[in-house]
Amino acid sequence: MARPITAFTCTACGASHRKWSGRCDACGAWNTVVEEAPLSQGPGRGLGTLKGKSIPLSGLDTQEAPPARTVSGMAEFDRVLGGGLVPGSAVLVGGDPGIGKSTLLLQAAAAFARAGQQAIYVSGEEAGAQVRLRAQRLGLGDAPVRLGAETALRDILTTLDAERPDVAVIDSVQTLWSDRIEAAPGSVAQVRASAHELVTFAKRRGTSVILVGHVTKEGQIAGPRVVEHMVDTVLYFEGERGHQFRILRAHKNRFGPADEIGVFEMTGGGLAEVANPSALFLSERGEASAGSAVFAGIEGTRPVLTEVQALVAPSTLASPRRTVVGLDGGRVSTILAVLEARCAIPFAGLDVFLNVAGGMRVSEPAADLAIAAALLSAREDAALPADCVLFGEISLSGALRPVAQAENRLKEAQKLGFSRAILPAATKVEGVAGMRIDRIADLTSFVGETFGAG
């Protein structure tokens, strides 16, 4: 093994020497030359003995002004970003093909441009004429957005460096290629290199860069996961093709809350913002019917009410079907097992279908009680009260565990005309007057009090 490389430095003048000596040849001082350990001892020579510059350090109590934000005027888009776009930030937007990513970002670029920001939209998938046709269809033909169609990374960076825009939209990162990498566009190497160069440019020049990313069949952004670590914000554009609602969800945000959502409605004139998503998701809900339960949930900082629908029917198959849309299938299987083991309510030989109305996806554990209520309502063919909302987490023992922000959930339900709530007994609720609150300790009590069985 090679000996670690050491250096000898004069403590008086800082001069370096190859070996120790009693007198420094640079300043003439005696007994000032000392041996100095290398900066690192990694593979090979590591970083060697060459020192870098010291970085400034500050305490945790240092007062700094919050980052300035640019507001586009699209309230739902600004909400998901944490209150607006931070200069020099990098945002990655992913979603299924045809879900409306390009439409959303073209509208956002036009909104920033009309707000006085210089915006550039670079399309690598469509020609400029195609983007102009979409802009005219959306009524954005007069927006002062600069448009370009290019996939060469060097040309895009040269243009951005010359124009110095405030906002740059790149659609999409999978189409870019660097002439320094011998790989096809869309490969892992090209995607990683392109994202790294664009994020570095954003930090160096103060331009807010918004990247569009394709997703795989599993719903994850295609390419290496390191791309998601490079950027400041990761947004997913969700929705079902059969529904007109679209959800923009923040999975990562260094400048705001994660899991925040913005709700849009796909119309003939583009994506329209939905200021009150709870009213929209419950707009098609009619009279009380069996298999329906209203869940009061929290998405980011916003309370959202959604309808959980269930259908339970006799199965003709050896293995009954379990079809779940908008919910975690594993969570639903756990609730079915708890109902059978703790409440003696079997679902064997029965097909179970569960759905969240409106194309919403719910991952919050607080939806457990609403899921169980919808399943029991469908199985017993007994409708829950139309003015009732539910929320609560179910443990494996059958106990109901309290969830956070109960007051915000109840206030949102009260605004929409709900006058009764069923929730875990240990939930602390204050400041919600005029609403009947039924506290339930466990799932067995809920079954007995609501459906008259236990």
Protein backbone atom coordinates (compact mmCIF):
# COMPACT_ATOMS: atom_id res chain seq x y z
CA MET A 1 0.00 0.00 0.00
CA ALA A 2 1.29 3.43 -0.96
CA ARG A 3 2.20 5.73 1.89
CA PRO A 4 -0.19 8.65 2.42
CA ILE A 5 1.14 11.86 0.91
CA THR A 6 2.02 14.49 3.49
CA ALA A 7 3.09 18.10 3.18
CA PHE A 8 5.20 20.48 5.24
CA THR A 9 3.95 24.02 5.73
CA CYS A 10 5.48 27.09 7.32
CA THR A 11 3.25 28.38 10.10
CA ALA A 12 4.66 31.89 9.67
CA CYS A 13 4.15 32.50 5.94
CA GLY A 14 2.18 29.43 4.74
CA ALA A 15 4.79 28.30 2.21
CA SER A 16 4.78 24.60 1.29
CA HIS A 17 7.89 22.39 1.40
CA ARG A 18 8.54 18.89 0.10
CA LYS A 19 10.36 17.87 3.27
CA TRP A 20 11.02 19.17 6.75
CA SER A 21 13.75 21.68 7.36
CA GLY A 22 14.72 23.79 10.33
CA ARG A 23 14.53 27.08 8.45
CA CYS A 24 11.84 28.24 5.99
CA ASP A 25 13.41 29.14 2.63
CA ALA A 26 10.61 31.60 1.87
CA CYS A 27 10.57 33.82 4.95
CA GLY A 28 13.71 32.73 6.79
CA ALA A 29 11.94 31.88 10.04
CA TRP A 30 13.37 29.11 12.20
CA ASN A 31 11.47 26.09 13.55
CA THR A 32 8.21 27.06 11.83
CA VAL A 33 7.97 24.18 9.32
CA VAL A 34 5.49 21.53 10.53
CA GLU A 35 4.12 18.39 8.97
CA GLU A 36 0.51 18.65 7.74
CA ALA A 37 -1.83 15.71 7.18
CA PRO A 38 -3.53 15.36 3.76
CA LEU A 39 -7.04 16.75 3.27
CA SER A 40 -8.43 13.26 2.59
CA GLN A 41 -7.20 9.70 2.16
CA GLY A 42 -9.69 8.24 -0.29
CA PRO A 43 -9.00 5.86 -3.17
CA GLY A 44 -5.81 6.74 -4.98
CA ARG A 45 -4.48 10.09 -3.86
CA GLY A 46 -7.87 11.39 -2.67
CA LEU A 47 -8.03 15.18 -2.56
CA GLY A 48 -4.34 15.45 -1.82
CA THR A 49 -2.88 18.26 0.27
CA LEU A 50 -4.29 21.22 -1.65
CA LYS A 51 -6.64 23.14 0.63
CA GLY A 52 -9.82 24.87 -0.46
CA LYS A 53 -11.27 28.10 0.85
CA SER A 54 -13.23 28.20 4.08
CA ILE A 55 -16.97 28.57 3.71
CA PRO A 56 -18.85 31.14 5.84
CA LEU A 57 -20.76 29.59 8.75
CA SER A 58 -23.67 31.06 10.67
CA GLY A 59 -25.73 30.11 13.70
CA LEU A 60 -29.24 28.72 13.69
CA ASP A 61 -30.54 31.96 15.19
CA THR A 62 -29.43 34.03 12.20
CA GLN A 63 -32.31 36.10 10.85
CA GLU A 64 -32.76 35.94 7.09
CA ALA A 65 -35.52 37.33 4.93
CA PRO A 66 -37.79 34.68 3.36
CA PRO A 67 -37.21 34.05 -0.35
CA ALA A 68 -39.04 36.38 -2.69
CA ARG A 69 -41.82 34.76 -4.69
CA THR A 70 -43.32 35.48 -8.08
CA VAL A 71 -47.09 35.04 -8.18
CA SER A 72 -48.58 33.94 -11.49
CA GLY A 73 -52.19 34.77 -10.70
CA MET A 74 -53.26 31.11 -11.04
CA ALA A 75 -54.25 30.62 -7.41
CA GLU A 76 -54.21 26.81 -7.49
CA PHE A 77 -50.80 26.67 -9.19
CA ASP A 78 -49.33 29.22 -6.75
CA ARG A 79 -50.80 27.31 -3.78
CA VAL A 80 -49.04 24.07 -4.75
CA LEU A 81 -45.73 25.92 -5.18
CA GLY A 82 -46.05 27.24 -1.62
CA GLY A 83 -47.25 30.74 -2.45
CA GLY A 84 -45.50 31.42 -5.75
CA LEU A 85 -42.39 30.62 -7.76
CA VAL A 86 -39.04 31.27 -6.06
CA PRO A 87 -36.38 32.83 -8.34
CA GLY A 88 -33.58 30.38 -9.11
CA SER A 89 -35.66 27.34 -8.19
CA ALA A 90 -36.02 24.16 -10.24
CA VAL A 91 -39.45 22.51 -10.51
CA LEU A 92 -40.13 19.06 -11.97
CA VAL A 93 -43.68 18.31 -13.19
CA GLY A 94 -44.68 14.72 -13.98
CA GLY A 95 -47.88 13.05 -15.13
CA ASP A 96 -49.42 10.49 -17.44
CA PRO A 97 -49.35 11.11 -21.21
CA GLY A 98 -52.21 13.34 -22.30
CA ILE A 99 -53.19 14.35 -18.77
CA GLY A 100 -52.61 18.04 -19.53
CA LYS A 101 -49.04 18.84 -18.41
CA SER A 102 -48.23 20.94 -21.50
CA THR A 103 -51.58 22.72 -21.29
CA LEU A 104 -51.06 23.56 -17.62
CA LEU A 105 -47.52 24.88 -18.08
CA LEU A 106 -48.41 26.86 -21.19
CA GLN A 107 -51.18 28.54 -19.20
CA ALA A 108 -48.76 29.09 -16.29
CA ALA A 109 -46.10 30.59 -18.61
CA ALA A 110 -48.71 32.92 -20.09
CA ALA A 111 -49.85 33.94 -16.60
CA PHE A 112 -46.26 34.75 -15.54
CA ALA A 113 -45.68 36.69 -18.77
CA ARG A 114 -48.85 38.72 -18.32
CA ALA A 115 -47.76 39.46 -14.74
CA GLY A 116 -44.65 41.22 -16.08
CA GLN A 117 -42.17 38.32 -16.03
CA GLN A 118 -40.09 37.34 -19.04
CA ALA A 119 -41.13 33.77 -19.88
CA ILE A 120 -39.61 31.35 -22.39
CA TYR A 121 -41.28 28.07 -23.40
CA VAL A 122 -38.95 25.52 -25.05
CA SER A 123 -40.70 22.52 -26.60
CA GLY A 124 -38.73 19.40 -27.46
CA GLU A 125 -41.73 17.25 -28.37
CA GLU A 126 -43.81 19.56 -30.55
CA ALA A 127 -43.09 22.01 -33.31
CA GLY A 128 -43.62 25.68 -32.70
CA ALA A 129 -46.72 25.69 -34.90
CA GLN A 130 -48.36 23.01 -32.73
CA VAL A 131 -47.73 25.01 -29.55
CA ARG A 132 -49.13 28.16 -31.19
CA LEU A 133 -52.30 26.30 -32.21
CA ARG A 134 -52.78 25.15 -28.61
CA ALA A 135 -52.18 28.69 -27.35
CA GLN A 136 -54.82 30.06 -29.74
CA ARG A 137 -57.29 27.38 -28.69
CA LEU A 138 -56.71 28.34 -25.04
CA GLY A 139 -57.07 32.05 -25.76
CA LEU A 140 -53.38 32.73 -25.06
CA GLY A 141 -52.32 33.90 -28.50
CA ASP A 142 -51.66 37.43 -27.26
CA ALA A 143 -49.59 36.39 -24.22
CA PRO A 144 -45.97 37.72 -24.42
CA VAL A 145 -44.38 34.25 -24.15
CA ARG A 146 -41.20 33.60 -26.16
CA LEU A 147 -41.43 30.21 -27.87
CA GLY A 148 -38.69 27.87 -29.10
CA ALA A 149 -38.48 24.29 -30.36
CA GLU A 150 -35.13 22.59 -29.65
CA THR A 151 -33.68 19.45 -28.08
CA ALA A 152 -29.93 20.24 -28.09
CA LEU A 153 -29.00 21.09 -24.50
CA ARG A 154 -26.05 23.30 -25.51
CA ASP A 155 -28.25 25.46 -27.76
CA ILE A 156 -30.96 25.75 -25.10
CA LEU A 157 -28.49 26.84 -22.41
CA THR A 158 -26.85 29.34 -24.80
CA THR A 159 -30.25 30.86 -25.57
CA LEU A 160 -31.27 31.05 -21.92
CA ASP A 161 -27.94 32.60 -20.97
CA ALA A 162 -28.37 35.27 -23.65
CA GLU A 163 -32.03 36.03 -22.92
CA ARG A 164 -31.86 35.75 -19.09
CA PRO A 165 -35.61 35.02 -18.64
CA ASP A 166 -37.37 35.02 -15.28
CA VAL A 167 -39.18 31.74 -16.03
CA ALA A 168 -38.14 28.98 -18.44
CA VAL A 169 -40.34 25.95 -19.19
CA ILE A 170 -38.59 22.92 -20.74
CA ASP A 171 -40.98 20.34 -22.24
CA SER A 172 -39.63 17.75 -21.69
CA VAL A 173 -36.34 16.70 -20.05
CA GLN A 174 -36.52 13.24 -21.69
CA THR A 175 -36.15 14.77 -25.16
CA LEU A 176 -32.92 16.69 -24.42
CA TRP A 177 -29.47 15.48 -25.43
CA SER A 178 -25.96 16.64 -24.63
CA ASP A 179 -23.21 16.37 -27.25
CA ARG A 180 -20.75 15.31 -24.52
CA ILE A 181 -22.58 12.05 -23.82
CA GLU A 182 -22.76 9.20 -26.33
CA ALA A 183 -26.25 7.98 -25.49
CA ALA A 184 -29.72 8.33 -26.96
CA PRO A 185 -32.08 11.04 -25.70
CA GLY A 186 -34.18 9.74 -22.84
CA SER A 187 -31.46 7.44 -21.51
CA VAL A 188 -30.46 7.60 -17.87
CA ALA A 189 -27.16 9.33 -18.64
CA GLN A 190 -28.76 11.98 -20.85
CA VAL A 191 -31.62 12.70 -18.44
CA ARG A 192 -29.26 13.00 -15.47
CA ALA A 193 -26.82 15.26 -17.34
CA SER A 194 -29.54 17.48 -18.81
CA ALA A 195 -31.30 17.93 -15.47
CA HIS A 196 -28.00 18.69 -13.72
CA GLU A 197 -27.03 21.37 -16.25
CA LEU A 198 -30.45 23.04 -16.16
CA VAL A 199 -30.61 23.04 -12.34
CA THR A 200 -27.09 24.47 -12.15
CA PHE A 201 -28.05 27.18 -14.64
CA ALA A 202 -31.12 28.05 -12.55
CA LYS A 203 -29.05 28.48 -9.39
CA ARG A 204 -26.29 30.43 -11.13
CA ARG A 205 -28.46 32.85 -13.14
CA GLY A 206 -31.53 33.15 -10.91
CA THR A 207 -33.91 31.83 -13.55
CA SER A 208 -36.81 29.68 -12.38
CA VAL A 209 -36.71 26.50 -14.49
CA ILE A 210 -39.77 24.24 -14.82
CA LEU A 211 -39.03 20.80 -16.26
CA VAL A 212 -41.63 18.38 -17.63
CA GLY A 213 -40.94 14.70 -16.94
CA HIS A 214 -42.57 11.60 -18.38
CA VAL A 215 -43.79 8.88 -16.03
CA THR A 216 -43.49 5.12 -16.16
CA LYS A 217 -46.41 2.68 -16.08
CA GLU A 218 -45.98 2.55 -12.28
CA GLY A 219 -46.64 6.31 -12.14
CA GLN A 220 -43.07 7.35 -11.22
CA ILE A 221 -41.10 9.95 -13.16
CA ALA A 222 -39.05 8.13 -15.80
CA GLY A 223 -35.28 8.19 -15.48
CA PRO A 224 -33.09 8.08 -12.38
CA ARG A 225 -34.60 9.07 -9.05
CA VAL A 226 -31.59 11.33 -8.60
CA VAL A 227 -33.40 13.86 -10.83
CA GLU A 228 -36.04 14.27 -8.13
CA HIS A 229 -33.27 14.93 -5.58
CA MET A 230 -31.67 17.59 -7.80
CA VAL A 231 -34.72 19.82 -8.10
CA ASP A 232 -36.36 21.91 -5.40
CA THR A 233 -39.97 20.93 -6.09
CA VAL A 234 -41.57 17.78 -7.53
CA LEU A 235 -45.18 18.07 -8.70
CA TYR A 236 -47.39 15.29 -10.04
CA PHE A 237 -50.38 16.00 -12.28
CA GLU A 238 -52.99 13.36 -11.54
CA GLY A 239 -56.43 12.51 -12.85
CA GLU A 240 -58.55 9.91 -14.59
CA ARG A 241 -59.22 10.27 -18.29
CA GLY A 242 -62.92 9.63 -17.67
CA HIS A 243 -63.17 12.57 -15.26
CA GLN A 244 -62.76 16.25 -15.99
CA PHE A 245 -60.99 16.91 -12.67
CA ARG A 246 -57.19 17.17 -12.48
CA ILE A 247 -55.12 17.26 -9.28
CA LEU A 248 -51.72 18.95 -9.11
CA ARG A 249 -49.99 17.47 -6.05
CA ALA A 250 -46.67 18.49 -4.46
CA HIS A 251 -44.63 15.42 -3.50
CA LYS A 252 -41.56 17.48 -2.54
CA ASN A 253 -41.18 21.19 -1.92
CA ARG A 254 -38.20 22.90 -0.33
CA PHE A 255 -40.06 26.21 -0.24
CA GLY A 256 -43.48 25.13 1.00
CA PRO A 257 -45.61 22.30 2.38
CA ALA A 258 -45.49 18.91 0.69
CA ASP A 259 -48.71 17.07 -0.23
CA GLU A 260 -50.40 20.36 -1.05
CA ILE A 261 -52.89 20.04 -3.89
CA GLY A 262 -54.36 22.29 -6.55
CA VAL A 263 -57.59 21.28 -8.27
CA PHE A 264 -58.36 22.03 -11.91
CA GLU A 265 -61.23 21.19 -14.22
CA MET A 266 -60.52 20.32 -17.86
CA THR A 267 -62.76 22.39 -20.12
CA GLY A 268 -62.86 23.24 -23.80
CA GLY A 269 -60.89 26.39 -23.05
CA GLY A 270 -58.15 24.67 -21.07
CA LEU A 271 -57.71 24.04 -17.36
CA ALA A 272 -60.02 26.05 -15.10
CA GLU A 273 -59.19 26.53 -11.43
CA VAL A 274 -61.49 25.07 -8.78
CA ALA A 275 -61.61 27.31 -5.73
CA ASN A 276 -63.77 24.95 -3.63
CA PRO A 277 -62.87 21.35 -4.49
CA SER A 278 -65.06 19.87 -1.74
CA ALA A 279 -68.21 21.30 -3.31
CA LEU A 280 -67.09 20.07 -6.72
CA PHE A 281 -66.37 16.50 -5.60
CA LEU A 282 -69.74 16.31 -3.83
CA SER A 283 -71.73 18.15 -6.52
CA GLU A 284 -73.05 14.96 -8.15
CA ARG A 285 -74.01 13.37 -4.84
CA GLY A 286 -77.75 12.89 -4.64
CA GLU A 287 -79.92 11.42 -1.91
CA ALA A 288 -78.42 9.12 0.68
CA SER A 289 -77.77 5.68 -0.78
CA ALA A 290 -76.27 2.44 0.44
CA GLY A 291 -72.50 2.13 0.00
CA SER A 292 -71.77 5.86 0.18
CA ALA A 293 -69.79 7.65 2.91
CA VAL A 294 -68.37 11.19 3.00
CA PHE A 295 -64.79 11.48 4.22
CA ALA A 296 -63.44 14.74 5.64
CA GLY A 297 -59.76 14.70 4.71
CA ILE A 298 -56.77 17.02 4.70
CA GLU A 299 -54.63 17.52 1.61
CA GLY A 300 -51.58 19.60 2.52
CA THR A 301 -53.07 22.60 4.31
CA ARG A 302 -56.51 22.34 2.74
CA PRO A 303 -59.49 20.35 4.05
CA VAL A 304 -61.19 18.39 1.25
CA LEU A 305 -64.41 16.39 1.45
CA THR A 306 -64.73 13.40 -0.86
CA GLU A 307 -67.26 10.62 -1.32
CA VAL A 308 -66.16 7.00 -0.83
CA GLN A 309 -68.36 4.61 -2.79
CA ALA A 310 -68.56 0.85 -2.21
CA LEU A 311 -70.36 -2.05 -3.86
CA VAL A 312 -70.53 -5.52 -2.33
CA ALA A 313 -72.06 -8.33 -4.39
CA PRO A 314 -72.06 -12.15 -4.30
CA SER A 315 -69.16 -13.60 -6.25
CA THR A 316 -69.26 -16.49 -8.68
CA LEU A 317 -65.48 -16.85 -8.62
CA ALA A 318 -63.34 -19.03 -6.38
CA SER A 319 -61.34 -15.93 -5.41
CA PRO A 320 -63.66 -12.92 -4.97
CA ARG A 321 -62.58 -9.73 -6.71
CA ARG A 322 -61.19 -6.74 -4.84
CA THR A 323 -61.21 -3.68 -7.12
CA VAL A 324 -60.01 -0.41 -5.61
CA VAL A 325 -59.78 2.96 -7.41
CA GLY A 326 -58.34 6.03 -5.70
CA LEU A 327 -57.40 4.22 -2.47
CA ASP A 328 -54.56 2.05 -1.21
CA GLY A 329 -55.48 -1.56 -1.96
CA GLY A 330 -53.36 -2.89 0.89
CA ARG A 331 -55.13 -0.59 3.35
CA VAL A 332 -58.53 -1.79 2.13
CA SER A 333 -57.48 -5.44 2.58
CA THR A 334 -56.41 -4.66 6.15
CA ILE A 335 -59.78 -3.04 6.95
CA LEU A 336 -61.62 -6.07 5.54
CA ALA A 337 -59.53 -8.35 7.76
CA VAL A 338 -60.22 -6.21 10.85
CA LEU A 339 -63.97 -6.26 10.14
CA GLU A 340 -63.93 -10.04 9.91
CA ALA A 341 -61.60 -10.71 12.86
CA ARG A 342 -62.80 -8.06 15.35
CA CYS A 343 -66.43 -7.55 14.34
CA ALA A 344 -67.29 -11.03 12.99
CA ILE A 345 -68.51 -9.57 9.69
CA PRO A 346 -67.27 -11.83 6.86
CA PHE A 347 -66.67 -10.71 3.31
CA ALA A 348 -65.73 -14.16 2.02
CA GLY A 349 -67.57 -15.05 -1.17
CA LEU A 350 -68.32 -11.39 -1.86
CA ASP A 351 -66.90 -9.17 -4.58
CA VAL A 352 -65.81 -5.78 -3.22
CA PHE A 353 -65.54 -2.65 -5.37
CA LEU A 354 -64.34 0.65 -3.89
CA ASN A 355 -64.03 4.02 -5.56
CA VAL A 356 -63.39 7.66 -4.65
CA ALA A 357 -65.79 9.87 -6.60
CA GLY A 358 -64.38 12.48 -8.93
CA GLY A 359 -61.04 10.81 -9.64
CA MET A 360 -59.48 11.91 -6.35
CA ARG A 361 -56.74 9.76 -4.80
CA VAL A 362 -56.81 9.42 -1.02
CA SER A 363 -53.80 8.04 0.85
CA GLU A 364 -54.52 9.43 4.32
CA PRO A 365 -54.98 6.80 7.11
CA ALA A 366 -57.82 8.95 8.45
CA ALA A 367 -59.99 7.57 5.63
CA ASP A 368 -60.15 4.14 7.32
CA LEU A 369 -63.44 4.81 9.11
CA ALA A 370 -65.12 6.16 5.96
CA ILE A 371 -63.94 3.09 4.01
CA ALA A 372 -65.29 0.73 6.67
CA ALA A 373 -68.59 2.64 6.80
CA ALA A 374 -69.02 2.46 3.02
CA LEU A 375 -68.26 -1.28 3.01
CA LEU A 376 -70.71 -2.01 5.83
CA SER A 377 -73.36 0.21 4.26
CA ALA A 378 -73.07 -1.65 0.96
CA ARG A 379 -73.05 -5.07 2.61
CA GLU A 380 -76.06 -4.37 4.83
CA ASP A 381 -77.85 -2.30 2.13
CA ALA A 382 -78.37 0.45 4.70
CA ALA A 383 -77.65 4.07 3.86
CA LEU A 384 -75.74 6.34 6.19
CA PRO A 385 -77.30 9.71 7.13
CA ALA A 386 -76.91 12.17 4.26
CA ASP A 387 -75.68 14.95 6.59
CA CYS A 388 -72.90 12.85 8.18
CA VAL A 389 -69.12 12.91 7.64
CA LEU A 390 -66.59 10.43 9.00
CA PHE A 391 -62.88 10.25 9.67
CA GLY A 392 -60.60 8.16 11.87
CA GLU A 393 -57.79 5.64 11.68
CA ILE A 394 -58.50 1.97 12.43
CA SER A 395 -55.86 -0.02 14.28
CA LEU A 396 -55.40 -3.78 13.92
CA SER A 397 -57.09 -4.26 17.29
CA GLY A 398 -60.21 -2.55 16.00
CA ALA A 399 -59.71 0.60 18.07
CA LEU A 400 -60.23 4.00 16.47
CA ARG A 401 -57.26 6.31 16.68
CA PRO A 402 -57.57 10.12 16.52
CA VAL A 403 -56.18 12.12 13.60
CA ALA A 404 -54.79 15.62 13.29
CA GLN A 405 -56.60 18.84 12.31
CA ALA A 406 -60.05 17.59 13.32
CA GLU A 407 -61.40 21.13 13.72
CA ASN A 408 -60.46 22.14 10.17
CA ARG A 409 -62.17 19.03 8.82
CA LEU A 410 -65.36 19.74 10.77
CA LYS A 411 -65.48 23.42 9.82
CA GLU A 412 -65.18 22.55 6.13
CA ALA A 413 -67.98 19.98 6.50
CA GLN A 414 -70.15 22.51 8.32
CA LYS A 415 -69.67 25.04 5.51
CA LEU A 416 -71.05 22.49 3.04
CA GLY A 417 -74.15 21.79 5.09
CA PHE A 418 -73.15 18.71 7.08
CA SER A 419 -74.49 18.72 10.62
CA ARG A 420 -73.20 15.42 12.04
CA ALA A 421 -69.77 13.84 12.36
CA ILE A 422 -68.58 10.42 13.50
CA LEU A 423 -65.01 10.39 14.77
CA PRO A 424 -62.72 8.60 17.27
CA ALA A 425 -63.49 9.13 20.95
CA ALA A 426 -60.01 10.47 21.79
CA THR A 427 -60.21 13.27 19.22
CA LYS A 428 -59.90 16.76 20.71
CA VAL A 429 -62.36 19.16 19.10
CA GLU A 430 -62.95 22.76 20.14
CA GLY A 431 -64.67 25.70 18.53
CA VAL A 432 -67.17 23.78 16.32
CA ALA A 433 -70.64 24.79 17.50
CA GLY A 434 -73.94 23.66 16.07
CA MET A 435 -72.66 20.28 14.89
CA ARG A 436 -73.56 16.93 16.40
CA ILE A 437 -70.43 14.91 17.13
CA ASP A 438 -70.62 11.18 17.80
CA ARG A 439 -67.50 9.80 19.44
CA ILE A 440 -66.79 6.11 18.85
CA ALA A 441 -64.15 4.14 20.79
CA ASP A 442 -63.73 1.15 18.49
CA LEU A 443 -65.01 -0.41 15.31
CA THR A 444 -67.31 -2.85 17.15
CA SER A 445 -69.13 0.04 18.80
CA PHE A 446 -69.43 1.79 15.46
CA VAL A 447 -71.02 -1.28 13.85
CA GLY A 448 -73.45 -1.72 16.73
CA GLU A 449 -74.54 1.92 16.97
CA THR A 450 -74.74 2.63 13.26
CA PHE A 451 -75.99 -0.63 11.78
CA GLY A 452 -77.53 -2.26 14.83
CA ALA A 453 -75.14 -5.24 14.91
CA GLY A 454 -72.04 -6.05 16.82
